Amino acid sequence: MQKVPTMVMLTITCTMMLLMLPEAYATRWTVGGNMGWNTNFNYTTWAKGKHFYKDDWLFFVYDRNQMNVLEVNKTDYESCNSDHALHNWTTGAGRDVVPLNVTRNYYFISGKGFCYGGMKIAVHVENLPPPPKAAPIKSGTTTTLTVSSMSQIVLLPVVFAIGTAWDAFIHIW
């Protein structure tokens, strides 16, 4: 009986530590937003002003019985030519996910004539910008962490972990 609270506390502590890890920055973009992958929609306007980064995903939602998702080169994108697709991302479910795992330009169209109705999108994928750098320390100055400042840095996560463990302990009994 004594091991249950110990295991609960260990699980909660591990969970709290995982929550403190930095979050991943990959984004899953639903192409066209609420409109999805459809005709009579301007995907150039939709993509304008958005930043697509390496390791993001494009999520295409469409009518699986009529449309598809084809990756093509720039020339075939401009002419809506689906005869020489570089990759057919169509899985048949009408819910296709395309990983943007290389920094380059991507060109997608829907074949079967739908490209002429506007079903085409070009995205430029770039590297994630580096995080901002801290201001340099002026020469001749020193930075020290006092016991008081260190305790403030560590205290808040510890308080949350203890509170969560106590709450779980109370609910078990």
Protein backbone atom coordinates (compact mmCIF):
# COMPACT_ATOMS: atom_id res chain seq x y z
CA MET A 1 0.00 0.00 0.00
CA GLN A 2 2.90 2.36 0.71
CA LYS A 3 4.30 1.98 -2.87
CA VAL A 4 1.25 3.50 -4.55
CA PRO A 5 1.77 7.04 -3.19
CA THR A 6 5.50 6.78 -3.93
CA MET A 7 4.81 5.77 -7.53
CA VAL A 8 2.21 8.51 -7.87
CA MET A 9 4.64 11.11 -6.57
CA LEU A 10 7.38 9.84 -8.87
CA THR A 11 5.04 9.95 -11.87
CA ILE A 12 3.88 13.44 -11.03
CA THR A 13 7.42 14.69 -10.50
CA CYS A 14 8.52 13.25 -13.86
CA THR A 15 5.50 14.80 -15.57
CA MET A 16 6.27 18.19 -14.06
CA MET A 17 9.86 17.96 -15.28
CA LEU A 18 8.67 17.13 -18.81
CA LEU A 19 6.33 20.12 -18.76
CA MET A 20 9.29 22.38 -18.06
CA LEU A 21 11.12 21.26 -21.24
CA PRO A 22 11.05 23.72 -24.14
CA GLU A 23 8.25 23.12 -26.60
CA ALA A 24 8.84 22.03 -30.18
CA TYR A 25 8.32 24.70 -32.77
CA ALA A 26 7.00 22.65 -35.72
CA THR A 27 3.63 23.82 -37.02
CA ARG A 28 0.96 21.82 -38.80
CA TRP A 29 -0.62 24.17 -41.32
CA THR A 30 -4.11 23.28 -42.55
CA VAL A 31 -3.87 24.39 -46.18
CA GLY A 32 -6.60 26.95 -46.84
CA GLY A 33 -7.59 27.15 -43.17
CA ASN A 34 -11.31 26.43 -42.75
CA MET A 35 -11.79 26.25 -46.55
CA GLY A 36 -9.42 23.31 -46.89
CA TRP A 37 -8.04 22.17 -50.26
CA ASN A 38 -10.85 23.27 -52.56
CA THR A 39 -11.60 25.08 -55.81
CA ASN A 40 -12.26 28.81 -56.12
CA PHE A 41 -9.89 29.74 -53.32
CA ASN A 42 -6.71 31.81 -53.61
CA TYR A 43 -3.95 29.80 -51.93
CA THR A 44 -1.33 32.39 -52.87
CA THR A 45 -3.17 34.92 -50.73
CA TRP A 46 -3.59 32.35 -47.94
CA ALA A 47 0.16 31.57 -47.88
CA LYS A 48 1.22 35.22 -48.13
CA GLY A 49 2.75 36.52 -44.91
CA LYS A 50 3.06 33.03 -43.40
CA HIS A 51 6.47 31.65 -42.54
CA PHE A 52 6.95 27.97 -43.30
CA TYR A 53 9.90 26.46 -41.46
CA LYS A 54 11.84 23.24 -41.85
CA ASP A 55 10.00 20.39 -40.07
CA ASP A 56 6.57 22.07 -40.35
CA TRP A 57 3.73 20.09 -41.96
CA LEU A 58 1.12 20.91 -44.57
CA PHE A 59 -2.25 19.28 -43.89
CA PHE A 60 -4.49 18.97 -46.96
CA VAL A 61 -8.22 18.36 -46.32
CA TYR A 62 -10.35 17.72 -49.42
CA ASP A 63 -12.96 15.55 -51.15
CA ARG A 64 -11.12 12.26 -51.55
CA ASN A 65 -13.38 11.11 -54.40
CA GLN A 66 -12.50 14.00 -56.69
CA MET A 67 -9.25 15.74 -55.80
CA ASN A 68 -5.64 14.90 -55.02
CA VAL A 69 -2.36 16.42 -53.83
CA LEU A 70 0.55 16.36 -56.25
CA GLU A 71 3.99 17.86 -55.73
CA VAL A 72 5.37 19.26 -58.98
CA ASN A 73 8.22 21.46 -60.19
CA LYS A 74 7.83 25.20 -60.73
CA THR A 75 7.15 24.91 -64.48
CA ASP A 76 4.39 22.33 -64.00
CA TYR A 77 2.98 24.40 -61.14
CA GLU A 78 2.71 27.47 -63.36
CA SER A 79 1.12 25.53 -66.25
CA CYS A 80 -1.04 23.22 -64.06
CA ASN A 81 0.59 20.17 -65.63
CA SER A 82 0.05 17.06 -63.49
CA ASP A 83 1.67 14.61 -65.95
CA HIS A 84 5.12 14.66 -64.31
CA ALA A 85 4.42 14.86 -60.59
CA LEU A 86 7.49 14.64 -58.38
CA HIS A 87 5.40 13.01 -55.64
CA ASN A 88 1.78 12.00 -55.23
CA TRP A 89 0.86 12.71 -51.60
CA THR A 90 -2.68 11.44 -52.06
CA THR A 91 -3.45 8.60 -49.63
CA GLY A 92 -7.11 8.22 -50.55
CA ALA A 93 -8.47 9.45 -47.24
CA GLY A 94 -8.79 13.12 -48.18
CA ARG A 95 -6.57 14.00 -45.23
CA ASP A 96 -2.96 14.14 -46.39
CA VAL A 97 0.02 15.38 -44.41
CA VAL A 98 3.15 16.57 -46.20
CA PRO A 99 6.35 17.04 -44.17
CA LEU A 100 8.37 20.11 -45.05
CA ASN A 101 11.70 18.60 -44.08
CA VAL A 102 13.97 20.40 -46.56
CA THR A 103 14.56 24.14 -46.91
CA ARG A 104 13.45 24.85 -50.48
CA ASN A 105 10.44 25.89 -52.56
CA TYR A 106 7.57 23.39 -52.68
CA TYR A 107 4.88 23.40 -55.39
CA PHE A 108 1.59 21.55 -55.01
CA ILE A 109 -1.36 21.21 -57.37
CA SER A 110 -4.52 19.16 -57.62
CA GLY A 111 -4.74 17.25 -60.88
CA LYS A 112 -7.87 16.27 -62.80
CA GLY A 113 -8.28 19.88 -63.94
CA PHE A 114 -8.80 21.32 -60.45
CA CYS A 115 -5.54 23.27 -60.63
CA TYR A 116 -7.18 25.54 -63.20
CA GLY A 117 -9.84 26.31 -60.56
CA GLY A 118 -7.15 27.61 -58.21
CA MET A 119 -6.07 24.44 -56.42
CA LYS A 120 -2.36 25.12 -56.35
CA ILE A 121 -0.01 26.43 -53.72
CA ALA A 122 3.68 27.33 -53.59
CA VAL A 123 5.48 27.61 -50.26
CA HIS A 124 9.01 28.64 -49.43
CA VAL A 125 10.45 26.67 -46.52
CA GLU A 126 13.22 28.26 -44.51
CA ASN A 127 15.26 27.40 -41.44
CA LEU A 128 13.85 28.41 -38.09
CA PRO A 129 15.48 31.69 -37.05
CA PRO A 130 17.91 31.40 -34.16
CA PRO A 131 16.65 32.42 -30.73
CA PRO A 132 17.51 35.97 -29.65
CA LYS A 133 20.89 36.35 -28.06
CA ALA A 134 21.35 37.72 -24.58
CA ALA A 135 22.88 41.15 -24.25
CA PRO A 136 26.65 40.94 -23.81
CA ILE A 137 28.05 41.45 -20.33
CA LYS A 138 29.99 44.66 -20.04
CA SER A 139 33.67 44.19 -19.31
CA GLY A 140 34.65 44.80 -15.73
CA THR A 141 31.30 43.66 -14.32
CA THR A 142 30.49 40.34 -12.78
CA THR A 143 27.26 38.50 -12.59
CA THR A 144 26.58 36.43 -9.53
CA LEU A 145 23.61 34.44 -8.49
CA THR A 146 22.89 34.86 -4.84
CA VAL A 147 21.27 32.19 -2.71
CA SER A 148 18.13 34.33 -2.75
CA SER A 149 17.94 34.53 -6.55
CA MET A 150 18.71 30.82 -6.95
CA SER A 151 15.97 29.89 -4.51
CA GLN A 152 13.48 31.96 -6.50
CA ILE A 153 14.46 30.18 -9.73
CA VAL A 154 14.05 26.71 -8.21
CA LEU A 155 11.23 27.41 -5.77
CA LEU A 156 8.29 27.82 -8.18
CA PRO A 157 8.62 24.44 -9.97
CA VAL A 158 9.17 22.73 -6.62
CA VAL A 159 6.04 24.33 -5.17
CA PHE A 160 3.98 23.18 -8.17
CA ALA A 161 5.39 19.65 -7.96
CA ILE A 162 4.65 19.41 -4.23
CA GLY A 163 1.15 20.81 -4.69
CA THR A 164 0.39 18.37 -7.49
CA ALA A 165 1.78 15.43 -5.51
CA TRP A 166 -0.28 16.45 -2.46
CA ASP A 167 -3.43 16.74 -4.56
CA ALA A 168 -2.87 13.28 -6.04
CA PHE A 169 -2.16 11.88 -2.57
CA ILE A 170 -5.43 13.33 -1.23
CA HIS A 171 -7.44 11.85 -4.14
CA ILE A 172 -6.03 8.35 -3.55
CA TRP A 173 -7.24 8.28 0.05
